[in-house]
Amino acid sequence: MTHPAILEVFSIELHSQLHLEDHAHFCPYSGRSRRYVQYTMNQESTTRVTEKPEFNRSSSQDSLDELSMEDYWTELENIKKSSENGQEDEEVVVVKEPDEGELEEEWLKEAGLSNLFGESADDPQESMVFLSTLTRTQAAAVQKRVETVSQTLRKKNKQHHIPDVRDIFAQRRESKEKAPDGPELQSVRANENKYEGKDDQASSIIVGNEKLILPVPEDTPSSETAINLEVSFAEQAVNQQESSKDKTQKNEGNDASLPSFRLPKDKTGTTKIGDLAPQDMKKVCRLALIELTALYDVLGIELKQQKAVKIKTRDSGLFGVPLTTLLEQDQRKVPGARIPLIFKKLISRIEEGGLETEGLLRIPGVAIRIKNLCQELEAKFYEGTFNWEGVKQHDAASLLKLFIRELPQPLLSVEYLKAFQAVQNLPTKKQQLQALNLLVILLPDANRDTLKALLEFLQKVIDNKEKNKMTVMNVAMVMAPNLFMCHALDLKSSEQREFVMAAGTANIMHLLIRYQKLLWTIPKFIINQVRKQNTENHKKDKRAMKKLLKKMAYDREKYEKQDKSTNDADVPQGVIRVQAPHLSKVSMAIQLTEELKASDVLARFLSQESGVAQTLKRGEVFLYEIGGNIGERCLDDDTYMKDLYQLNPNAEWVIKSKPL
């Protein structure tokens, strides 16, 4: 079913709220009844389709493809037809809306700040250290949630102590004033200074009764091409609002020409998801949640996390099984598996058929074959007796999309699906990309890894668009209903509601595919905040240890000597000692120079290996920064070692392989 009117509303702003419902649904392919989470558009949100922007049409077929929504509606019809067999069995169960303050309380728990409103096992001093590293917009986001929870608890007459929010942030300011400047703090401030404008009073934000002045970037680019990862996204948004009051910031409807964003080169190295130790990644996720909330607050977008609903799910099988359960099954067969084996195999089968096939992903497989294949896979996949040679390419593509739709909870997660959908409401493409970056960080590991594999595959399909006729927007149109609506279809929704959802989710899918290489980068300002937290916590621990040693009458000088790196004594100034326990050359002293990169250090060690071993180990071993103000961080090849050493002089340097 085609909706030509969609062309006129493709770029409307989406100001939609989503309701969470719990449905019972019968899977027509696998013959199972199961419960799932459904998302539908709020009826009120769809009444705001008044002005319809015009489109600048191009005579080229490619541009027409970019604007056409026919692929979306065709895919939607295919999904609906596959669900028709289960309509009689459908039973709607509406999930109770959270009480006032409940979402904020859950938000503070996820941000690691539950001890601000009640009893918690977390160290309150650690929370104060955490608060001392927040930017002003991040602090405002926390303060807003603390105030809401405090008011709610007072209304409920909770007996435990409820701290005054002014006391919390007074402690935060005091902590900041007392914190001495370490080398990494000086480096962060130097980076922030680069973005300070001549008029420091040009931008401000109100936090409670206090007016906070924010710096204005001096060298803000006129076009949205560079992504600034050194300054908080929310702070950048405030600066942009103030400096662009008289400029139009709204998106234009034609998404065929998205900006060519790039990451600036960072001499201390770019950090990707997967490069950090788990304890630091946990801190990154907490900061990403606060930063995302601060960004949405600044831009006036409501962000309400949806709490995951506990539903009964299958504990074995392939389709309709939670990702974590699938991975537990798979890891018994393939230790270290991070992506479901069935998911990888379906992608592999599609690729084996050739990615030049016209209409790949768009043309559905034959329904009766899909049903039979689904049941046969359930019975034979793990036994290794399934005949993949008999699976046609379009059938494999249909099975891949079915797998995504059949997940008990969305691939983009219950908690953040609404936040992903709300990305379309952000004023600029750069801010949309920044929000997606933070959301990808916040996804559970299994969801994030599976999404990455999917996006990489979709890009391969698009790379063959000249032959398969599947442009990035064609692919986005086909995949959007599968990711954003899952099996949670509102089959009785109005046409108006459907094309509003279509326009928004297709655009977000487009961004995810187009900018996937940028989205798995951890912003430098968040890494710097983690470094600050680690530094302050180390100082706190060291003070506590010295106090304990003094009390126990130990020789403090002996402790202080042990506290220093054992390598420092025999390594001269300007030289680092690199350890490589699994290589032929297990240790090497390396002179730091302005041009020395991590790749150069690796090359020196690998040059000591024999020919075959050198080839095998290249790409398998990496240089790590360990300790000091970071737990553990895998360095990218273009990291300048002298710059990083100045940021973290107490680190150790080790060459090893990445953990599975």
Foldseek 3Di string as FASTA:
>chain_A
DFDVCLLQALQPFFQWDWFKKKKWAAQLQQRDTFIFIFIATDPVRLVPPDDGDDDDADPDPVLVVLSGLVLLVLLVVVLVVRRVVTPVVMDIGGDDDDDFLPLLCVLCVLLVNNVQADDDPDDVVLVLLLLLLDDPLLLLLNLVSLVRNLVVCVVVVDDDDHDDSVVSVVSSVVVNVPDDDDLLNVVLVVVLVQQAAPDQQQFWDDRPNDIGTAGHGHCPDPDAAEFALSDQPLSNLRNCCRVQVPPALADDSRPPDDHHHDYDDDQQFFFFVQFADPVLLSNLLSSLSSSLSSNCVSQVRDAGFDDDDDTDFDQDFQFLHALVSQVVVVCVVVPPDLARPLLVVLLVLLVVLPLLAACQLSDADDPVVLSVLRNVCRVCVVVVPDDSVPQDNNSSSNVNLSRQLRHSAFLLGRGCLSVLLNLSNGRHPSSSLSSLLSSLSNGDSSSNVNLLVVLVSVVVSQVSCVRHVQHLLSSLSNNQCSRNRRSNDPVPDDPSSVSVSSSRSSSSSSSCNVVVVVSRTRRVSSVSSLLSSLQVVVVVVVVVVLVVCVVVVHDVVVVVVVVADPCVVVADPQWAKEAECVAPPGIDIGGADQQDWQLNVVVVRLVPHDDVVSVVCVVFKFKWWDDASGHIGTGDRSHRVVVNCSSGVRTHIYIDGRDD
